[in-house]
Amino acid sequence: MVESITKPIISATEADWSREKSSQWWEPSCQLLKSIRNYQKWQKQGGIAGYILCRWNVIQHRFWSVVTATDIPLNCQIQGGLVLPHPNGIVIHPNASIGPNCLILQQVTIVADVKIGGHVDIGAGAKIIRSVTIGDHALIGANAVVICDVPPGTTAVGIPAKIIEKKDPESIIKIIEIAEKTAN
C-alpha cells in the first residue's frame, strides 16, 4: 500500500492503450476515442481507401459526439491511454495537447494552447481557461478554474485554482504508519 503512494504506477510517458479498449460495444467514450483514432490513422494513410474510411469515421464521430454530448474535434492532439469515465459535456479545443494516460471527468473545458502532461487527472467541472502547462502526474480538483501553470506532481484546487503544497513521500509514509498504529 505504501509503495503505490511513493511512486506513480501509471506512466506519464508511455501510453497504456488498454485503458481505451472497450469490453463491450456500448461504451460511448471508448467508441468516441476509437472514431477519433481511426479518423487520424486513415487521414494520415491517404488514398481512396483512406478518404472513404475517413468519411465513415466522421459519421461515427458525429454519432458518438451526440451520444456523449462532447465537443472533442477529430483533429485534436490526444496521446494514448485517455480515460473518459463520464464524457458528458467535455469540451477540448483542437489546439490543446493532452499527454498519455490522462483521466478527464465530466463537464471539463480545455481551451486553445493548453499543454497537459502525462497521467494528469482532471476532476469534474474543471475549467482550464488560459494557455497554461500542466505537468506530469498533476491533479486538477473538481470545479477548479486553472489560469496558471501547474507544476508536475502537484494539485490545483479552487476558483481561481491555487497550487496545494506538494507533500514529500516520507511525510506521507509517516502519516500512514501513525494511522495504522492508532487503528490497531
Protein backbone atom coordinates (compact mmCIF):
# COMPACT_ATOMS: atom_id res chain seq x y z
CA MET A 1 0.00 0.00 0.00
CA VAL A 2 2.76 2.46 0.88
CA GLU A 3 4.65 1.73 -2.34
CA SER A 4 1.77 2.96 -4.52
CA ILE A 5 1.88 6.35 -2.79
CA THR A 6 5.60 6.91 -3.20
CA LYS A 7 5.97 6.00 -6.87
CA PRO A 8 3.47 6.52 -9.66
CA ILE A 9 2.03 3.30 -11.03
CA ILE A 10 0.78 4.81 -14.28
CA SER A 11 3.38 6.08 -16.74
CA ALA A 12 3.47 9.71 -17.81
CA THR A 13 5.47 8.95 -20.95
CA GLU A 14 4.31 5.64 -22.44
CA ALA A 15 0.67 5.28 -23.43
CA ASP A 16 -1.27 2.37 -21.94
CA TRP A 17 -3.60 1.63 -24.85
CA SER A 18 -5.51 -0.96 -22.81
CA ARG A 19 -7.14 1.93 -20.94
CA GLU A 20 -9.02 2.88 -24.14
CA LYS A 21 -10.18 -0.63 -25.04
CA SER A 22 -13.89 -1.30 -24.68
CA SER A 23 -15.13 -4.52 -23.14
CA GLN A 24 -18.50 -4.23 -24.85
CA TRP A 25 -19.95 -2.36 -27.82
CA TRP A 26 -21.96 0.19 -25.84
CA GLU A 27 -19.19 2.16 -24.22
CA PRO A 28 -19.71 5.59 -25.77
CA SER A 29 -16.48 7.17 -24.51
CA CYS A 30 -14.35 4.32 -25.88
CA GLN A 31 -16.21 4.38 -29.19
CA LEU A 32 -15.74 8.15 -29.47
CA LEU A 33 -12.00 7.84 -28.91
CA LYS A 34 -11.86 4.92 -31.36
CA SER A 35 -13.54 7.02 -34.08
CA ILE A 36 -11.04 9.86 -33.49
CA ARG A 37 -8.05 7.50 -33.58
CA ASN A 38 -9.29 5.74 -36.72
CA TYR A 39 -10.00 9.05 -38.46
CA GLN A 40 -6.49 10.31 -37.74
CA LYS A 41 -4.98 6.99 -38.89
CA TRP A 42 -6.84 6.98 -42.21
CA GLN A 43 -6.25 10.72 -42.74
CA LYS A 44 -2.52 10.06 -42.50
CA GLN A 45 -2.80 6.97 -44.74
CA GLY A 46 -4.42 8.88 -47.60
CA GLY A 47 -5.58 7.44 -50.91
CA ILE A 48 -9.10 6.46 -51.94
CA ALA A 49 -9.49 3.89 -49.16
CA GLY A 50 -8.27 6.47 -46.64
CA TYR A 51 -10.75 9.03 -47.95
CA ILE A 52 -13.70 6.63 -47.73
CA LEU A 53 -12.75 5.36 -44.27
CA CYS A 54 -12.21 8.94 -43.06
CA ARG A 55 -15.77 9.79 -44.09
CA TRP A 56 -17.05 6.67 -42.29
CA ASN A 57 -15.22 7.71 -39.13
CA VAL A 58 -16.62 11.25 -39.40
CA ILE A 59 -20.12 9.74 -39.29
CA GLN A 60 -19.20 7.57 -36.30
CA HIS A 61 -17.60 10.54 -34.55
CA ARG A 62 -20.71 12.67 -35.02
CA PHE A 63 -22.92 9.87 -33.69
CA TRP A 64 -20.78 9.25 -30.58
CA SER A 65 -20.36 13.01 -30.01
CA VAL A 66 -24.14 13.37 -29.83
CA VAL A 67 -24.49 10.31 -27.59
CA THR A 68 -21.79 11.52 -25.19
CA ALA A 69 -22.66 15.25 -25.54
CA THR A 70 -19.00 16.13 -26.00
CA ASP A 71 -17.07 18.50 -28.22
CA ILE A 72 -13.79 16.74 -28.94
CA PRO A 73 -12.71 17.50 -32.51
CA LEU A 74 -11.36 14.91 -34.93
CA ASN A 75 -8.05 16.76 -35.32
CA CYS A 76 -7.32 17.00 -31.60
CA GLN A 77 -3.90 16.16 -30.16
CA ILE A 78 -4.56 13.41 -27.64
CA GLN A 79 -1.96 10.78 -26.83
CA GLY A 80 -2.95 7.22 -25.91
CA GLY A 81 -4.49 5.93 -22.73
CA LEU A 82 -7.08 8.68 -22.23
CA VAL A 83 -9.95 7.67 -19.95
CA LEU A 84 -13.32 9.46 -20.06
CA PRO A 85 -15.49 7.66 -17.47
CA HIS A 86 -18.37 10.13 -17.86
CA PRO A 87 -17.77 12.05 -21.09
CA ASN A 88 -20.85 14.26 -20.80
CA GLY A 89 -20.09 17.92 -21.53
CA ILE A 90 -16.35 17.65 -22.18
CA VAL A 91 -15.04 20.41 -24.47
CA ILE A 92 -11.48 20.24 -25.80
CA HIS A 93 -10.05 22.80 -28.22
CA PRO A 94 -8.24 21.26 -31.24
CA ASN A 95 -5.05 23.19 -30.39
CA ALA A 96 -4.83 21.78 -26.88
CA SER A 97 -2.49 18.84 -26.38
CA ILE A 98 -3.11 16.05 -23.89
CA GLY A 99 -0.39 13.66 -22.78
CA PRO A 100 -0.62 9.91 -22.30
CA ASN A 101 -2.72 8.12 -19.67
CA CYS A 102 -4.82 11.10 -18.58
CA LEU A 103 -8.22 10.96 -16.91
CA ILE A 104 -10.86 13.58 -17.68
CA LEU A 105 -14.20 13.60 -15.88
CA GLN A 106 -17.47 15.21 -16.97
CA GLN A 107 -18.10 18.91 -17.76
CA VAL A 108 -14.41 19.76 -18.28
CA THR A 109 -13.42 22.61 -20.60
CA ILE A 110 -9.92 22.90 -22.08
CA VAL A 111 -9.11 25.93 -24.28
CA ALA A 112 -6.51 26.51 -27.00
CA ASP A 113 -2.76 26.15 -26.45
CA VAL A 114 -3.09 24.20 -23.20
CA LYS A 115 -0.36 21.57 -22.75
CA ILE A 116 -1.33 18.76 -20.41
CA GLY A 117 1.42 16.35 -19.36
CA GLY A 118 1.19 12.62 -18.85
CA HIS A 119 -1.03 10.95 -16.25
CA VAL A 120 -2.95 14.07 -15.30
CA ASP A 121 -6.31 13.60 -13.57
CA ILE A 122 -8.83 16.39 -14.19
CA GLY A 123 -11.83 16.49 -11.86
CA ALA A 124 -15.45 17.05 -12.78
CA GLY A 125 -16.37 20.56 -13.87
CA ALA A 126 -12.79 21.82 -14.06
CA LYS A 127 -12.09 24.66 -16.48
CA ILE A 128 -8.66 25.30 -17.95
CA ILE A 129 -9.30 28.71 -19.47
CA ARG A 130 -5.86 30.11 -20.24
CA SER A 131 -2.88 28.95 -22.25
CA VAL A 132 -1.12 27.01 -19.46
CA THR A 133 1.10 23.98 -18.98
CA ILE A 134 0.10 21.24 -16.58
CA GLY A 135 2.95 18.95 -15.50
CA ASP A 136 3.07 15.17 -15.36
CA HIS A 137 1.17 13.40 -12.54
CA ALA A 138 -0.69 16.60 -11.60
CA LEU A 139 -4.20 16.62 -10.18
CA ILE A 140 -6.83 19.23 -11.02
CA GLY A 141 -9.63 19.34 -8.47
CA ALA A 142 -13.33 19.31 -9.23
CA ASN A 143 -14.68 22.68 -10.40
CA ALA A 144 -11.19 24.23 -10.34
CA VAL A 145 -10.59 27.16 -12.68
CA VAL A 146 -6.98 26.89 -13.84
CA ILE A 147 -5.40 30.14 -15.02
CA CYS A 148 -1.73 29.48 -14.17
CA ASP A 149 0.79 26.72 -14.78
CA VAL A 150 0.57 23.62 -12.59
CA PRO A 151 3.96 22.04 -11.74
CA PRO A 152 4.45 18.27 -12.06
CA GLY A 153 3.10 16.15 -9.20
CA THR A 154 1.09 18.93 -7.57
CA THR A 155 -2.62 19.51 -7.01
CA ALA A 156 -4.58 22.57 -8.12
CA VAL A 157 -7.93 23.37 -6.48
CA GLY A 158 -10.28 26.31 -6.14
CA ILE A 159 -11.51 29.30 -8.11
CA PRO A 160 -9.07 30.53 -9.32
CA ALA A 161 -7.02 27.40 -8.84
CA LYS A 162 -4.25 27.51 -6.26
CA ILE A 163 -1.43 25.01 -6.02
CA ILE A 164 -1.54 22.90 -2.88
CA GLU A 165 1.86 22.38 -1.33
CA LYS A 166 3.46 19.17 -2.51
CA LYS A 167 3.97 16.63 0.26
CA ASP A 168 7.18 14.65 0.31
CA PRO A 169 6.74 10.84 0.24
CA GLU A 170 8.44 10.35 3.63
CA SER A 171 5.87 12.50 5.44
CA ILE A 172 3.02 10.64 3.75
CA ILE A 173 4.50 7.30 4.80
CA LYS A 174 4.83 8.52 8.41
CA ILE A 175 1.20 9.68 8.44
CA ILE A 176 0.05 6.29 7.13
CA GLU A 177 2.15 4.40 9.68
CA ILE A 178 0.76 6.51 12.54
CA ALA A 179 -2.79 5.96 11.26
CA GLU A 180 -2.24 2.19 11.05
CA LYS A 181 -0.79 2.07 14.59
CA THR A 182 -3.71 4.04 16.06
CA ALA A 183 -6.23 1.86 14.22
CA ASN A 184 -4.78 -1.31 15.77
